[in-house]
Amino acid sequence: MGVRQLALVLSAFVAVIGAIGFILPEALIGVARHFETPAGLCAAAGLRILVGIALLLSAGTSRAPGVIRVLGAVVLVAGLVTPFFGPERARAIIDWWSSQGGFVIRAWAGFALALGCFLVWALLPKSRLA
């Protein structure tokens, strides 16, 4: 699997998680709870770093190279700082986020869905018909 395909799969994953969270906010909270442990934070950091690098490496062949580069850099930096949050801080963030109610959780999930869909579109090859 090439870097572009990996970036596409990871972007689709972001969209799917966003869709699940939009439909079932409680399920999204449950998924987030798996990442509030030290091992979970390392897994989240690794996943973010992987996504960031994949976006950066595939940006040049995308439909929106500048935007993809910026998003890749932001995600990569987020991955690098994630382990420094610590489990207590991660738990506090998730507790605050889950206490905001379904509307706020759905808004964040909708953002993830839109971002994932944009990334998939931007990373897909340009149509020869256009």
N, C-alpha and C. Protein backbone atom coordinates (compact mmCIF):
# COMPACT_ATOMS: atom_id res chain seq x y z
N MET A 1 0.86 -1.18 0.00
CA MET A 1 0.00 0.00 0.00
C MET A 1 0.89 1.23 0.00
N GLY A 2 0.60 2.15 -0.93
CA GLY A 2 1.37 3.38 -1.01
C GLY A 2 0.92 4.40 0.03
N VAL A 3 1.69 5.45 0.14
CA VAL A 3 1.40 6.49 1.13
C VAL A 3 0.04 7.15 0.84
N ARG A 4 -0.23 7.39 -0.43
CA ARG A 4 -1.50 8.03 -0.80
C ARG A 4 -2.68 7.15 -0.40
N GLN A 5 -2.57 5.84 -0.65
CA GLN A 5 -3.64 4.92 -0.27
C GLN A 5 -3.79 4.86 1.25
N LEU A 6 -2.67 4.88 1.97
CA LEU A 6 -2.73 4.90 3.42
C LEU A 6 -3.42 6.16 3.91
N ALA A 7 -3.07 7.30 3.33
CA ALA A 7 -3.71 8.56 3.70
C ALA A 7 -5.21 8.51 3.41
N LEU A 8 -5.60 7.90 2.29
CA LEU A 8 -7.02 7.75 1.95
C LEU A 8 -7.75 6.89 2.97
N VAL A 9 -7.16 5.77 3.33
CA VAL A 9 -7.79 4.86 4.31
C VAL A 9 -7.93 5.56 5.66
N LEU A 10 -6.88 6.24 6.10
CA LEU A 10 -6.94 6.94 7.39
C LEU A 10 -7.95 8.08 7.36
N SER A 11 -8.05 8.77 6.23
CA SER A 11 -9.03 9.85 6.09
C SER A 11 -10.45 9.29 6.12
N ALA A 12 -10.66 8.18 5.45
CA ALA A 12 -11.97 7.53 5.49
C ALA A 12 -12.30 7.08 6.91
N PHE A 13 -11.30 6.62 7.65
CA PHE A 13 -11.49 6.24 9.04
C PHE A 13 -11.95 7.43 9.87
N VAL A 14 -11.36 8.59 9.65
CA VAL A 14 -11.78 9.82 10.36
C VAL A 14 -13.25 10.11 10.05
N ALA A 15 -13.62 9.99 8.78
CA ALA A 15 -15.01 10.24 8.38
C ALA A 15 -15.96 9.24 9.03
N VAL A 16 -15.58 7.98 9.07
CA VAL A 16 -16.44 6.95 9.67
C VAL A 16 -16.61 7.19 11.18
N ILE A 17 -15.53 7.51 11.86
CA ILE A 17 -15.62 7.81 13.29
C ILE A 17 -16.52 9.02 13.51
N GLY A 18 -16.39 10.03 12.66
CA GLY A 18 -17.25 11.21 12.76
C GLY A 18 -18.71 10.85 12.55
N ALA A 19 -18.99 10.00 11.55
CA ALA A 19 -20.37 9.59 11.28
C ALA A 19 -20.95 8.81 12.46
N ILE A 20 -20.16 7.90 13.01
CA ILE A 20 -20.62 7.13 14.17
C ILE A 20 -20.90 8.07 15.34
N GLY A 21 -19.99 9.00 15.58
CA GLY A 21 -20.18 9.94 16.68
C GLY A 21 -21.37 10.85 16.48
N PHE A 22 -21.67 11.19 15.24
CA PHE A 22 -22.82 12.03 14.96
C PHE A 22 -24.12 11.28 15.23
N ILE A 23 -24.15 10.01 14.86
CA ILE A 23 -25.34 9.20 15.06
C ILE A 23 -25.46 8.72 16.50
N LEU A 24 -24.34 8.28 17.07
CA LEU A 24 -24.32 7.73 18.43
C LEU A 24 -23.23 8.42 19.26
N PRO A 25 -23.53 9.59 19.81
CA PRO A 25 -22.50 10.32 20.57
C PRO A 25 -21.91 9.51 21.73
N GLU A 26 -22.74 8.67 22.35
CA GLU A 26 -22.25 7.86 23.47
C GLU A 26 -21.17 6.90 23.01
N ALA A 27 -21.29 6.38 21.80
CA ALA A 27 -20.29 5.46 21.27
C ALA A 27 -18.97 6.18 21.07
N LEU A 28 -19.04 7.44 20.62
CA LEU A 28 -17.82 8.22 20.42
C LEU A 28 -17.13 8.48 21.76
N ILE A 29 -17.91 8.75 22.78
CA ILE A 29 -17.34 8.94 24.12
C ILE A 29 -16.66 7.64 24.57
N GLY A 30 -17.31 6.52 24.31
CA GLY A 30 -16.73 5.22 24.66
C GLY A 30 -15.41 4.98 23.97
N VAL A 31 -15.32 5.33 22.70
CA VAL A 31 -14.06 5.19 21.96
C VAL A 31 -13.01 6.11 22.57
N ALA A 32 -13.39 7.34 22.86
CA ALA A 32 -12.44 8.31 23.43
C ALA A 32 -11.90 7.82 24.78
N ARG A 33 -12.73 7.15 25.55
CA ARG A 33 -12.30 6.65 26.87
C ARG A 33 -11.16 5.64 26.76
N HIS A 34 -11.07 4.95 25.63
CA HIS A 34 -9.98 3.99 25.45
C HIS A 34 -8.63 4.67 25.32
N PHE A 35 -8.64 5.97 25.05
CA PHE A 35 -7.39 6.70 24.83
C PHE A 35 -6.96 7.55 26.03
N GLU A 36 -7.60 7.36 27.18
CA GLU A 36 -7.23 8.17 28.34
C GLU A 36 -6.24 7.47 29.26
N THR A 37 -5.75 6.32 28.86
CA THR A 37 -4.71 5.61 29.61
C THR A 37 -3.34 5.95 29.01
N PRO A 38 -2.26 5.66 29.73
CA PRO A 38 -0.93 5.90 29.14
C PRO A 38 -0.75 5.16 27.80
N ALA A 39 -1.16 3.91 27.73
CA ALA A 39 -1.04 3.15 26.47
C ALA A 39 -1.95 3.75 25.40
N GLY A 40 -3.14 4.19 25.79
CA GLY A 40 -4.06 4.81 24.85
C GLY A 40 -3.52 6.11 24.30
N LEU A 41 -2.88 6.89 25.16
CA LEU A 41 -2.27 8.15 24.70
C LEU A 41 -1.15 7.88 23.70
N CYS A 42 -0.37 6.84 23.96
CA CYS A 42 0.70 6.48 23.01
C CYS A 42 0.11 6.01 21.70
N ALA A 43 -0.97 5.25 21.76
CA ALA A 43 -1.63 4.80 20.53
C ALA A 43 -2.20 5.99 19.76
N ALA A 44 -2.84 6.91 20.47
CA ALA A 44 -3.38 8.11 19.82
C ALA A 44 -2.26 8.93 19.20
N ALA A 45 -1.15 9.07 19.91
CA ALA A 45 -0.01 9.82 19.39
C ALA A 45 0.52 9.15 18.12
N GLY A 46 0.68 7.84 18.17
CA GLY A 46 1.19 7.12 17.00
C GLY A 46 0.26 7.25 15.81
N LEU A 47 -1.03 7.15 16.06
CA LEU A 47 -2.00 7.28 14.97
C LEU A 47 -1.97 8.69 14.38
N ARG A 48 -1.89 9.70 15.22
CA ARG A 48 -1.82 11.08 14.73
C ARG A 48 -0.54 11.32 13.94
N ILE A 49 0.57 10.80 14.44
CA ILE A 49 1.84 10.96 13.73
C ILE A 49 1.77 10.28 12.37
N LEU A 50 1.20 9.07 12.34
CA LEU A 50 1.05 8.34 11.09
C LEU A 50 0.18 9.13 10.09
N VAL A 51 -0.94 9.64 10.56
CA VAL A 51 -1.83 10.43 9.69
C VAL A 51 -1.11 11.68 9.20
N GLY A 52 -0.44 12.38 10.10
CA GLY A 52 0.27 13.60 9.72
C GLY A 52 1.33 13.35 8.66
N ILE A 53 2.12 12.31 8.85
CA ILE A 53 3.18 12.00 7.87
C ILE A 53 2.56 11.58 6.54
N ALA A 54 1.51 10.75 6.60
CA ALA A 54 0.85 10.30 5.37
C ALA A 54 0.28 11.50 4.60
N LEU A 55 -0.32 12.45 5.31
CA LEU A 55 -0.85 13.64 4.64
C LEU A 55 0.27 14.48 4.04
N LEU A 56 1.33 14.67 4.80
CA LEU A 56 2.45 15.47 4.28
C LEU A 56 3.07 14.85 3.03
N LEU A 57 3.24 13.53 3.06
CA LEU A 57 3.88 12.85 1.93
C LEU A 57 2.98 12.76 0.70
N SER A 58 1.67 12.79 0.90
CA SER A 58 0.76 12.67 -0.24
C SER A 58 0.20 14.02 -0.69
N ALA A 59 0.57 15.08 -0.01
CA ALA A 59 0.03 16.40 -0.34
C ALA A 59 0.35 16.83 -1.77
N GLY A 60 1.54 16.55 -2.24
CA GLY A 60 1.96 17.01 -3.55
C GLY A 60 1.11 16.49 -4.70
N THR A 61 0.50 15.33 -4.53
CA THR A 61 -0.33 14.76 -5.59
C THR A 61 -1.81 14.94 -5.31
N SER A 62 -2.15 15.74 -4.32
CA SER A 62 -3.55 15.92 -3.95
C SER A 62 -4.18 17.07 -4.74
N ARG A 63 -5.48 17.22 -4.58
CA ARG A 63 -6.21 18.31 -5.24
C ARG A 63 -6.02 19.64 -4.51
N ALA A 64 -5.58 19.59 -3.27
CA ALA A 64 -5.39 20.80 -2.47
C ALA A 64 -4.08 20.68 -1.69
N PRO A 65 -2.95 20.74 -2.38
CA PRO A 65 -1.68 20.46 -1.72
C PRO A 65 -1.34 21.37 -0.54
N GLY A 66 -1.64 22.65 -0.66
CA GLY A 66 -1.34 23.56 0.45
C GLY A 66 -2.15 23.24 1.69
N VAL A 67 -3.42 23.00 1.51
CA VAL A 67 -4.31 22.68 2.64
C VAL A 67 -3.90 21.35 3.27
N ILE A 68 -3.60 20.37 2.44
CA ILE A 68 -3.22 19.05 2.95
C ILE A 68 -1.90 19.14 3.71
N ARG A 69 -0.97 19.95 3.22
CA ARG A 69 0.31 20.13 3.93
C ARG A 69 0.08 20.76 5.30
N VAL A 70 -0.75 21.80 5.35
CA VAL A 70 -1.02 22.46 6.63
C VAL A 70 -1.71 21.49 7.60
N LEU A 71 -2.74 20.79 7.12
CA LEU A 71 -3.43 19.82 7.98
C LEU A 71 -2.47 18.72 8.44
N GLY A 72 -1.64 18.24 7.53
CA GLY A 72 -0.67 17.21 7.89
C GLY A 72 0.28 17.69 8.98
N ALA A 73 0.76 18.93 8.85
CA ALA A 73 1.68 19.49 9.85
C ALA A 73 0.98 19.65 11.20
N VAL A 74 -0.26 20.13 11.18
CA VAL A 74 -1.02 20.30 12.44
C VAL A 74 -1.23 18.96 13.12
N VAL A 75 -1.63 17.95 12.35
CA VAL A 75 -1.88 16.62 12.92
C VAL A 75 -0.58 16.01 13.43
N LEU A 76 0.51 16.19 12.70
CA LEU A 76 1.81 15.67 13.14
C LEU A 76 2.23 16.31 14.46
N VAL A 77 2.13 17.62 14.56
CA VAL A 77 2.48 18.31 15.81
C VAL A 77 1.57 17.85 16.95
N ALA A 78 0.27 17.69 16.66
CA ALA A 78 -0.65 17.20 17.69
C ALA A 78 -0.23 15.82 18.17
N GLY A 79 0.21 14.98 17.25
CA GLY A 79 0.68 13.65 17.64
C GLY A 79 1.93 13.71 18.50
N LEU A 80 2.83 14.62 18.17
CA LEU A 80 4.07 14.73 18.93
C LEU A 80 3.84 15.23 20.36
N VAL A 81 2.83 16.09 20.56
CA VAL A 81 2.59 16.62 21.91
C VAL A 81 1.60 15.77 22.71
N THR A 82 0.88 14.87 22.06
CA THR A 82 -0.14 14.07 22.76
C THR A 82 0.40 13.33 23.99
N PRO A 83 1.56 12.67 23.92
CA PRO A 83 2.03 11.94 25.11
C PRO A 83 2.29 12.84 26.32
N PHE A 84 2.51 14.12 26.09
CA PHE A 84 2.81 15.02 27.19
C PHE A 84 1.56 15.50 27.94
N PHE A 85 0.37 15.18 27.43
CA PHE A 85 -0.86 15.54 28.12
C PHE A 85 -0.99 14.79 29.43
N GLY A 86 -0.70 13.51 29.40
CA GLY A 86 -0.85 12.67 30.58
C GLY A 86 -2.28 12.18 30.71
N PRO A 87 -2.45 11.03 31.34
CA PRO A 87 -3.78 10.43 31.47
C PRO A 87 -4.78 11.29 32.24
N GLU A 88 -4.31 11.98 33.28
CA GLU A 88 -5.22 12.80 34.09
C GLU A 88 -5.79 13.94 33.25
N ARG A 89 -4.94 14.60 32.50
CA ARG A 89 -5.38 15.71 31.65
C ARG A 89 -6.30 15.20 30.54
N ALA A 90 -5.94 14.07 29.95
CA ALA A 90 -6.78 13.48 28.90
C ALA A 90 -8.16 13.13 29.46
N ARG A 91 -8.19 12.54 30.64
CA ARG A 91 -9.46 12.19 31.28
C ARG A 91 -10.28 13.44 31.57
N ALA A 92 -9.63 14.49 32.04
CA ALA A 92 -10.34 15.74 32.33
C ALA A 92 -10.94 16.34 31.05
N ILE A 93 -10.19 16.29 29.97
CA ILE A 93 -10.70 16.82 28.69
C ILE A 93 -11.90 16.01 28.22
N ILE A 94 -11.79 14.69 28.29
CA ILE A 94 -12.90 13.83 27.85
C ILE A 94 -14.11 14.01 28.77
N ASP A 95 -13.87 14.13 30.07
CA ASP A 95 -14.99 14.38 31.00
C ASP A 95 -15.69 15.69 30.67
N TRP A 96 -14.91 16.75 30.44
CA TRP A 96 -15.51 18.05 30.10
C TRP A 96 -16.29 17.94 28.80
N TRP A 97 -15.67 17.34 27.79
CA TRP A 97 -16.29 17.21 26.48
C TRP A 97 -17.59 16.42 26.56
N SER A 98 -17.58 15.31 27.30
CA SER A 98 -18.79 14.47 27.40
C SER A 98 -19.88 15.15 28.22
N SER A 99 -19.52 16.07 29.10
CA SER A 99 -20.52 16.76 29.92
C SER A 99 -21.21 17.90 29.16
N GLN A 100 -20.73 18.23 27.97
CA GLN A 100 -21.28 19.34 27.21
C GLN A 100 -22.60 19.00 26.53
N GLY A 101 -22.93 17.73 26.45
CA GLY A 101 -24.21 17.33 25.87
C GLY A 101 -24.08 16.89 24.43
N GLY A 102 -25.16 16.28 23.96
CA GLY A 102 -25.18 15.69 22.63
C GLY A 102 -24.93 16.67 21.51
N PHE A 103 -25.41 17.91 21.65
CA PHE A 103 -25.23 18.88 20.57
C PHE A 103 -23.76 19.16 20.32
N VAL A 104 -22.99 19.40 21.38
CA VAL A 104 -21.57 19.71 21.24
C VAL A 104 -20.81 18.50 20.72
N ILE A 105 -21.13 17.33 21.24
CA ILE A 105 -20.45 16.11 20.78
C ILE A 105 -20.76 15.88 19.30
N ARG A 106 -22.02 16.06 18.92
CA ARG A 106 -22.39 15.90 17.51
C ARG A 106 -21.72 16.95 16.63
N ALA A 107 -21.54 18.15 17.14
CA ALA A 107 -20.86 19.19 16.37
C ALA A 107 -19.41 18.80 16.09
N TRP A 108 -18.72 18.30 17.11
CA TRP A 108 -17.34 17.84 16.91
C TRP A 108 -17.30 16.64 15.97
N ALA A 109 -18.25 15.73 16.14
CA ALA A 109 -18.31 14.56 15.25
C ALA A 109 -18.61 14.99 13.82
N GLY A 110 -19.49 15.96 13.65
CA GLY A 110 -19.79 16.48 12.32
C GLY A 110 -18.57 17.12 11.68
N PHE A 111 -17.77 17.80 12.50
CA PHE A 111 -16.52 18.38 12.00
C PHE A 111 -15.58 17.28 11.53
N ALA A 112 -15.46 16.21 12.32
CA ALA A 112 -14.60 15.08 11.94
C ALA A 112 -15.11 14.43 10.66
N LEU A 113 -16.42 14.28 10.53
CA LEU A 113 -17.02 13.71 9.32
C LEU A 113 -16.69 14.59 8.10
N ALA A 114 -16.89 15.89 8.24
CA ALA A 114 -16.62 16.81 7.13
C ALA A 114 -15.13 16.83 6.78
N LEU A 115 -14.28 16.85 7.79
CA LEU A 115 -12.84 16.86 7.56
C LEU A 115 -12.41 15.57 6.85
N GLY A 116 -12.89 14.44 7.34
CA GLY A 116 -12.55 13.17 6.71
C GLY A 116 -13.01 13.10 5.26
N CYS A 117 -14.23 13.57 5.00
CA CYS A 117 -14.75 13.59 3.62
C CYS A 117 -13.93 14.52 2.74
N PHE A 118 -13.57 15.69 3.25
CA PHE A 118 -12.73 16.60 2.48
C PHE A 118 -11.39 15.95 2.15
N LEU A 119 -10.78 15.31 3.15
CA LEU A 119 -9.48 14.67 2.92
C LEU A 119 -9.58 13.57 1.87
N VAL A 120 -10.64 12.77 1.94
CA VAL A 120 -10.83 11.72 0.94
C VAL A 120 -10.95 12.34 -0.44
N TRP A 121 -11.78 13.37 -0.57
CA TRP A 121 -11.95 14.04 -1.86
C TRP A 121 -10.61 14.60 -2.36
N ALA A 122 -9.89 15.27 -1.47
CA ALA A 122 -8.64 15.90 -1.87
C ALA A 122 -7.56 14.89 -2.26
N LEU A 123 -7.62 13.71 -1.68
CA LEU A 123 -6.59 12.70 -1.94
C LEU A 123 -6.93 11.77 -3.10
N LEU A 124 -8.20 11.76 -3.52
CA LEU A 124 -8.58 10.92 -4.65
C LEU A 124 -7.99 11.50 -5.94
N PRO A 125 -7.66 10.64 -6.89
CA PRO A 125 -7.14 11.15 -8.16
C PRO A 125 -8.19 12.02 -8.86
N LYS A 126 -7.73 13.02 -9.57
CA LYS A 126 -8.62 13.90 -10.31
C LYS A 126 -9.30 13.08 -11.40
N SER A 127 -10.57 13.35 -11.60
CA SER A 127 -11.35 12.64 -12.62
C SER A 127 -10.88 13.07 -14.01
N ARG A 128 -10.79 12.13 -14.90
CA ARG A 128 -10.40 12.45 -16.27
C ARG A 128 -11.54 13.09 -17.05
N LEU A 129 -12.76 13.01 -16.50
CA LEU A 129 -13.92 13.58 -17.17
C LEU A 129 -14.06 15.07 -16.92
N ALA A 130 -13.46 15.54 -15.87
CA ALA A 130 -13.61 16.96 -15.51
C ALA A 130 -12.74 17.86 -16.35
